[in-house]
N, C-alpha and C. Protein backbone atom coordinates (compact mmCIF):
# COMPACT_ATOMS: atom_id res chain seq x y z
N MET A 1 -32.29 40.52 23.88
CA MET A 1 -31.63 40.76 22.62
C MET A 1 -30.12 40.92 22.81
N LYS A 2 -29.73 41.58 23.93
CA LYS A 2 -28.30 41.76 24.20
C LYS A 2 -27.61 40.41 24.39
N ASN A 3 -28.30 39.48 25.04
CA ASN A 3 -27.71 38.16 25.26
C ASN A 3 -27.47 37.42 23.95
N ILE A 4 -28.40 37.53 23.02
CA ILE A 4 -28.25 36.86 21.72
C ILE A 4 -27.11 37.49 20.95
N THR A 5 -27.02 38.81 20.93
CA THR A 5 -25.93 39.50 20.24
C THR A 5 -24.59 39.11 20.84
N PHE A 6 -24.52 39.08 22.16
CA PHE A 6 -23.29 38.67 22.83
C PHE A 6 -22.92 37.24 22.47
N LEU A 7 -23.89 36.35 22.49
CA LEU A 7 -23.65 34.94 22.18
C LEU A 7 -23.16 34.76 20.74
N VAL A 8 -23.77 35.45 19.80
CA VAL A 8 -23.34 35.37 18.39
C VAL A 8 -21.94 35.93 18.24
N THR A 9 -21.65 37.04 18.88
CA THR A 9 -20.32 37.65 18.81
C THR A 9 -19.26 36.72 19.38
N MET A 10 -19.52 36.14 20.53
CA MET A 10 -18.55 35.24 21.16
C MET A 10 -18.35 33.97 20.33
N THR A 11 -19.42 33.43 19.78
CA THR A 11 -19.31 32.23 18.94
C THR A 11 -18.45 32.51 17.72
N THR A 12 -18.69 33.64 17.08
CA THR A 12 -17.89 34.03 15.91
C THR A 12 -16.44 34.22 16.29
N PHE A 13 -16.18 34.91 17.38
CA PHE A 13 -14.82 35.15 17.85
C PHE A 13 -14.09 33.83 18.14
N LEU A 14 -14.75 32.92 18.81
CA LEU A 14 -14.12 31.63 19.14
C LEU A 14 -13.87 30.79 17.89
N ALA A 15 -14.76 30.87 16.91
CA ALA A 15 -14.54 30.13 15.66
C ALA A 15 -13.32 30.67 14.92
N ILE A 16 -13.19 31.99 14.86
CA ILE A 16 -12.03 32.60 14.20
C ILE A 16 -10.76 32.26 14.97
N LEU A 17 -10.80 32.35 16.27
CA LEU A 17 -9.64 32.06 17.10
C LEU A 17 -9.19 30.61 16.95
N SER A 18 -10.12 29.68 16.88
CA SER A 18 -9.74 28.27 16.78
C SER A 18 -9.11 27.95 15.43
N THR A 19 -9.57 28.56 14.34
CA THR A 19 -8.96 28.29 13.04
C THR A 19 -7.60 28.94 12.93
N THR A 20 -7.42 30.10 13.52
CA THR A 20 -6.11 30.76 13.51
C THR A 20 -5.13 29.99 14.39
N ALA A 21 -5.56 29.56 15.54
CA ALA A 21 -4.68 28.85 16.47
C ALA A 21 -4.23 27.51 15.92
N ALA A 22 -5.02 26.92 15.04
CA ALA A 22 -4.64 25.61 14.48
C ALA A 22 -3.35 25.68 13.70
N SER A 23 -3.07 26.81 13.06
CA SER A 23 -1.84 26.92 12.27
C SER A 23 -0.74 27.63 13.04
N TRP A 24 -0.99 28.07 14.24
CA TRP A 24 0.00 28.79 15.02
C TRP A 24 0.65 27.85 16.02
N GLY A 25 1.94 27.59 15.82
CA GLY A 25 2.69 26.79 16.78
C GLY A 25 2.56 25.29 16.61
N SER A 26 1.88 24.85 15.58
CA SER A 26 1.81 23.40 15.32
C SER A 26 1.90 23.19 13.81
N TRP A 27 2.55 22.12 13.42
CA TRP A 27 2.75 21.84 11.99
C TRP A 27 1.42 21.43 11.36
N GLN A 28 1.13 22.06 10.22
CA GLN A 28 -0.07 21.77 9.44
C GLN A 28 0.35 21.31 8.05
N PRO A 29 -0.34 20.34 7.46
CA PRO A 29 0.04 19.89 6.12
C PRO A 29 -0.21 20.97 5.07
N ILE A 30 0.67 21.02 4.08
CA ILE A 30 0.46 21.90 2.94
C ILE A 30 -0.43 21.15 1.96
N LYS A 31 -1.56 21.74 1.64
CA LYS A 31 -2.55 21.03 0.82
C LYS A 31 -2.16 20.96 -0.65
N ASN A 32 -1.54 22.00 -1.18
CA ASN A 32 -1.20 22.02 -2.61
C ASN A 32 0.31 22.18 -2.77
N LEU A 33 1.00 21.07 -2.95
CA LEU A 33 2.46 21.11 -3.10
C LEU A 33 2.89 21.71 -4.43
N ASN A 34 1.97 21.85 -5.37
CA ASN A 34 2.28 22.45 -6.66
C ASN A 34 2.03 23.95 -6.70
N ASP A 35 1.63 24.51 -5.57
CA ASP A 35 1.42 25.95 -5.47
C ASP A 35 2.73 26.68 -5.80
N GLU A 36 2.64 27.74 -6.57
CA GLU A 36 3.84 28.48 -7.00
C GLU A 36 4.65 28.99 -5.81
N HIS A 37 3.97 29.39 -4.75
CA HIS A 37 4.68 29.90 -3.58
C HIS A 37 5.50 28.80 -2.91
N ILE A 38 4.95 27.60 -2.84
CA ILE A 38 5.68 26.47 -2.25
C ILE A 38 6.88 26.11 -3.12
N LYS A 39 6.69 26.12 -4.43
CA LYS A 39 7.81 25.86 -5.35
C LYS A 39 8.89 26.93 -5.19
N GLU A 40 8.47 28.18 -4.99
CA GLU A 40 9.43 29.27 -4.79
C GLU A 40 10.24 29.05 -3.51
N ILE A 41 9.59 28.63 -2.45
CA ILE A 41 10.28 28.37 -1.18
C ILE A 41 11.27 27.22 -1.34
N ALA A 42 10.86 26.15 -2.02
CA ALA A 42 11.75 25.01 -2.26
C ALA A 42 12.94 25.43 -3.11
N GLY A 43 12.69 26.22 -4.14
CA GLY A 43 13.78 26.72 -4.99
C GLY A 43 14.74 27.59 -4.21
N PHE A 44 14.20 28.43 -3.33
CA PHE A 44 15.05 29.26 -2.47
C PHE A 44 15.94 28.38 -1.60
N ALA A 45 15.36 27.32 -1.02
CA ALA A 45 16.12 26.44 -0.13
C ALA A 45 17.30 25.81 -0.87
N VAL A 46 17.06 25.31 -2.07
CA VAL A 46 18.13 24.68 -2.85
C VAL A 46 19.19 25.71 -3.22
N GLN A 47 18.76 26.89 -3.64
CA GLN A 47 19.72 27.93 -4.02
C GLN A 47 20.56 28.38 -2.82
N ALA A 48 19.91 28.58 -1.68
CA ALA A 48 20.65 29.00 -0.48
C ALA A 48 21.62 27.92 -0.03
N TYR A 49 21.22 26.67 -0.12
CA TYR A 49 22.09 25.54 0.22
C TYR A 49 23.30 25.51 -0.71
N ASP A 50 23.07 25.71 -1.99
CA ASP A 50 24.17 25.74 -2.96
C ASP A 50 25.12 26.90 -2.67
N GLU A 51 24.58 28.06 -2.31
CA GLU A 51 25.43 29.22 -2.00
C GLU A 51 26.28 28.96 -0.77
N GLN A 52 25.73 28.25 0.21
CA GLN A 52 26.50 27.93 1.42
C GLN A 52 27.67 27.01 1.09
N ALA A 53 27.49 26.13 0.12
CA ALA A 53 28.56 25.20 -0.27
C ALA A 53 29.65 25.91 -1.06
N SER A 54 29.33 26.99 -1.72
CA SER A 54 30.23 27.84 -2.51
C SER A 54 31.40 27.10 -3.15
N GLY A 55 31.08 26.19 -4.06
CA GLY A 55 32.11 25.53 -4.84
C GLY A 55 32.67 24.25 -4.25
N ARG A 56 32.28 23.89 -3.04
CA ARG A 56 32.79 22.66 -2.42
C ARG A 56 32.13 21.41 -3.00
N ARG A 57 31.01 21.61 -3.69
CA ARG A 57 30.31 20.50 -4.33
C ARG A 57 29.50 21.07 -5.49
N PRO A 58 29.13 20.22 -6.44
CA PRO A 58 28.31 20.70 -7.56
C PRO A 58 26.92 21.13 -7.07
N PRO A 59 26.29 22.07 -7.75
CA PRO A 59 24.96 22.53 -7.34
C PRO A 59 23.89 21.47 -7.57
N LEU A 60 22.83 21.58 -6.79
CA LEU A 60 21.69 20.69 -6.92
C LEU A 60 20.68 21.27 -7.90
N LYS A 61 19.88 20.39 -8.48
CA LYS A 61 18.74 20.81 -9.31
C LYS A 61 17.49 20.26 -8.66
N LEU A 62 16.58 21.16 -8.27
CA LEU A 62 15.32 20.76 -7.65
C LEU A 62 14.45 20.03 -8.66
N LEU A 63 13.92 18.89 -8.24
CA LEU A 63 13.01 18.14 -9.10
C LEU A 63 11.56 18.30 -8.68
N LYS A 64 11.29 18.08 -7.37
CA LYS A 64 9.90 18.06 -6.93
C LYS A 64 9.81 18.22 -5.42
N VAL A 65 8.74 18.87 -4.97
CA VAL A 65 8.41 18.91 -3.55
C VAL A 65 7.55 17.68 -3.28
N GLU A 66 8.05 16.79 -2.45
CA GLU A 66 7.37 15.52 -2.18
C GLU A 66 6.31 15.64 -1.08
N SER A 67 6.62 16.42 -0.05
CA SER A 67 5.67 16.64 1.05
C SER A 67 6.04 17.94 1.74
N GLY A 68 5.09 18.46 2.52
CA GLY A 68 5.38 19.71 3.20
C GLY A 68 4.39 20.03 4.30
N GLN A 69 4.90 20.80 5.24
CA GLN A 69 4.10 21.29 6.35
C GLN A 69 4.51 22.74 6.62
N PHE A 70 3.62 23.47 7.27
CA PHE A 70 3.97 24.83 7.70
C PHE A 70 3.53 25.02 9.13
N GLU A 71 4.17 26.00 9.77
CA GLU A 71 3.89 26.30 11.17
C GLU A 71 3.94 27.81 11.34
N GLY A 72 2.91 28.38 11.92
CA GLY A 72 2.93 29.80 12.22
C GLY A 72 3.87 30.07 13.38
N VAL A 73 4.77 31.02 13.18
CA VAL A 73 5.73 31.42 14.23
C VAL A 73 5.73 32.94 14.30
N ALA A 74 6.40 33.48 15.28
CA ALA A 74 6.44 34.92 15.47
C ALA A 74 6.95 35.61 14.21
N GLY A 75 6.13 36.46 13.65
CA GLY A 75 6.54 37.27 12.50
C GLY A 75 6.50 36.57 11.16
N GLY A 76 5.98 35.33 11.08
CA GLY A 76 5.95 34.65 9.79
C GLY A 76 5.58 33.18 9.91
N LYS A 77 6.19 32.37 9.04
CA LYS A 77 5.93 30.93 9.01
C LYS A 77 7.22 30.17 8.77
N ASP A 78 7.28 28.97 9.34
CA ASP A 78 8.32 28.00 9.01
C ASP A 78 7.71 26.99 8.05
N TYR A 79 8.47 26.62 7.04
CA TYR A 79 8.05 25.60 6.08
C TYR A 79 9.00 24.42 6.20
N LEU A 80 8.46 23.25 6.44
CA LEU A 80 9.22 22.00 6.49
C LEU A 80 8.88 21.23 5.23
N LEU A 81 9.85 21.13 4.32
CA LEU A 81 9.62 20.51 3.03
C LEU A 81 10.53 19.31 2.84
N THR A 82 9.98 18.25 2.26
CA THR A 82 10.77 17.13 1.79
C THR A 82 10.76 17.23 0.28
N LEU A 83 11.96 17.22 -0.31
CA LEU A 83 12.04 17.41 -1.75
C LEU A 83 13.04 16.46 -2.37
N THR A 84 12.89 16.26 -3.67
CA THR A 84 13.86 15.47 -4.43
C THR A 84 14.68 16.43 -5.28
N ALA A 85 15.97 16.11 -5.37
CA ALA A 85 16.89 16.91 -6.16
C ALA A 85 17.97 16.00 -6.71
N VAL A 86 18.66 16.49 -7.72
CA VAL A 86 19.70 15.71 -8.38
C VAL A 86 20.90 16.61 -8.61
N VAL A 87 22.09 16.01 -8.61
CA VAL A 87 23.31 16.71 -9.01
C VAL A 87 23.52 16.35 -10.48
N PRO A 88 23.23 17.28 -11.41
CA PRO A 88 23.27 16.95 -12.84
C PRO A 88 24.59 16.36 -13.31
N ARG A 89 25.70 16.82 -12.79
CA ARG A 89 27.00 16.33 -13.25
C ARG A 89 27.31 14.92 -12.76
N GLU A 90 26.55 14.43 -11.82
CA GLU A 90 26.79 13.09 -11.28
C GLU A 90 25.78 12.08 -11.82
N GLY A 91 25.25 12.33 -12.98
CA GLY A 91 24.28 11.40 -13.55
C GLY A 91 22.88 11.72 -13.08
N SER A 92 22.08 10.71 -13.03
CA SER A 92 20.67 10.94 -12.72
C SER A 92 20.26 10.41 -11.35
N ARG A 93 21.21 10.28 -10.44
CA ARG A 93 20.88 9.79 -9.11
C ARG A 93 20.05 10.83 -8.35
N VAL A 94 18.85 10.45 -8.00
CA VAL A 94 17.93 11.34 -7.31
C VAL A 94 18.06 11.11 -5.81
N ASN A 95 18.17 12.20 -5.07
CA ASN A 95 18.28 12.12 -3.61
C ASN A 95 17.11 12.85 -2.97
N LEU A 96 16.80 12.44 -1.75
CA LEU A 96 15.74 13.03 -0.96
C LEU A 96 16.35 13.95 0.09
N TYR A 97 15.79 15.15 0.23
CA TYR A 97 16.30 16.14 1.18
C TYR A 97 15.15 16.68 2.02
N GLU A 98 15.50 17.13 3.22
CA GLU A 98 14.55 17.79 4.10
C GLU A 98 15.08 19.18 4.41
N THR A 99 14.22 20.17 4.30
CA THR A 99 14.64 21.54 4.55
C THR A 99 13.61 22.27 5.39
N ILE A 100 14.09 23.25 6.14
CA ILE A 100 13.21 24.15 6.87
C ILE A 100 13.58 25.57 6.45
N VAL A 101 12.57 26.30 6.01
CA VAL A 101 12.75 27.69 5.58
C VAL A 101 11.81 28.56 6.40
N TYR A 102 12.35 29.65 6.95
CA TYR A 102 11.54 30.65 7.63
C TYR A 102 11.22 31.76 6.64
N GLU A 103 9.96 32.18 6.60
CA GLU A 103 9.56 33.30 5.76
C GLU A 103 8.80 34.30 6.62
N ASN A 104 9.27 35.56 6.63
CA ASN A 104 8.59 36.56 7.45
C ASN A 104 7.42 37.16 6.68
N VAL A 105 6.70 38.07 7.33
CA VAL A 105 5.50 38.65 6.72
C VAL A 105 5.83 39.52 5.51
N SER A 106 7.09 39.91 5.35
CA SER A 106 7.53 40.67 4.17
C SER A 106 8.05 39.77 3.06
N ASN A 107 7.85 38.46 3.20
CA ASN A 107 8.29 37.45 2.24
C ASN A 107 9.80 37.29 2.15
N GLN A 108 10.54 37.77 3.15
CA GLN A 108 11.98 37.51 3.20
C GLN A 108 12.17 36.11 3.77
N LYS A 109 13.08 35.37 3.15
CA LYS A 109 13.28 33.98 3.52
C LYS A 109 14.66 33.75 4.12
N LYS A 110 14.73 32.75 5.01
CA LYS A 110 16.00 32.36 5.62
C LYS A 110 16.04 30.84 5.70
N LEU A 111 17.13 30.26 5.22
CA LEU A 111 17.31 28.81 5.30
C LEU A 111 17.72 28.44 6.71
N LEU A 112 16.92 27.63 7.39
CA LEU A 112 17.22 27.21 8.75
C LEU A 112 17.89 25.85 8.78
N SER A 113 17.54 24.99 7.83
CA SER A 113 18.07 23.63 7.83
C SER A 113 17.96 23.05 6.43
N PHE A 114 18.94 22.22 6.07
CA PHE A 114 18.89 21.50 4.79
C PHE A 114 19.75 20.26 4.96
N LYS A 115 19.12 19.10 4.84
CA LYS A 115 19.90 17.87 5.02
C LYS A 115 19.43 16.78 4.06
N LYS A 116 20.37 15.95 3.71
CA LYS A 116 20.09 14.80 2.84
C LYS A 116 19.53 13.69 3.71
N LEU A 117 18.45 13.08 3.25
CA LEU A 117 17.85 11.96 3.96
C LEU A 117 18.40 10.66 3.40
N LEU A 118 18.50 9.66 4.24
CA LEU A 118 19.01 8.36 3.79
C LEU A 118 17.97 7.57 3.06
């Protein structure tokens, strides 16, 4: 009986460990790009990027999150998002951007990267 209990316990532990490890240290696709939390992260990225420019260029308006991945890192997650945005004052030209945002376990966010894609 002890052997069966041990075997069940180890199997359960390994199953939990393998699902947790899959998102830790490797990029995983975001399944629902319309999730409010993902939209919040994308909005934060655009706002932080605009604040960094501080008047050197017109602000961007986020249109849509086109694709995304996340990666478990120490103390939180990195989000790699591809999004479309437009500069309203420059007409309707839509541009594609790639951003990386770090979010810690307290939901504090930090913009790590934001670049326009060709």
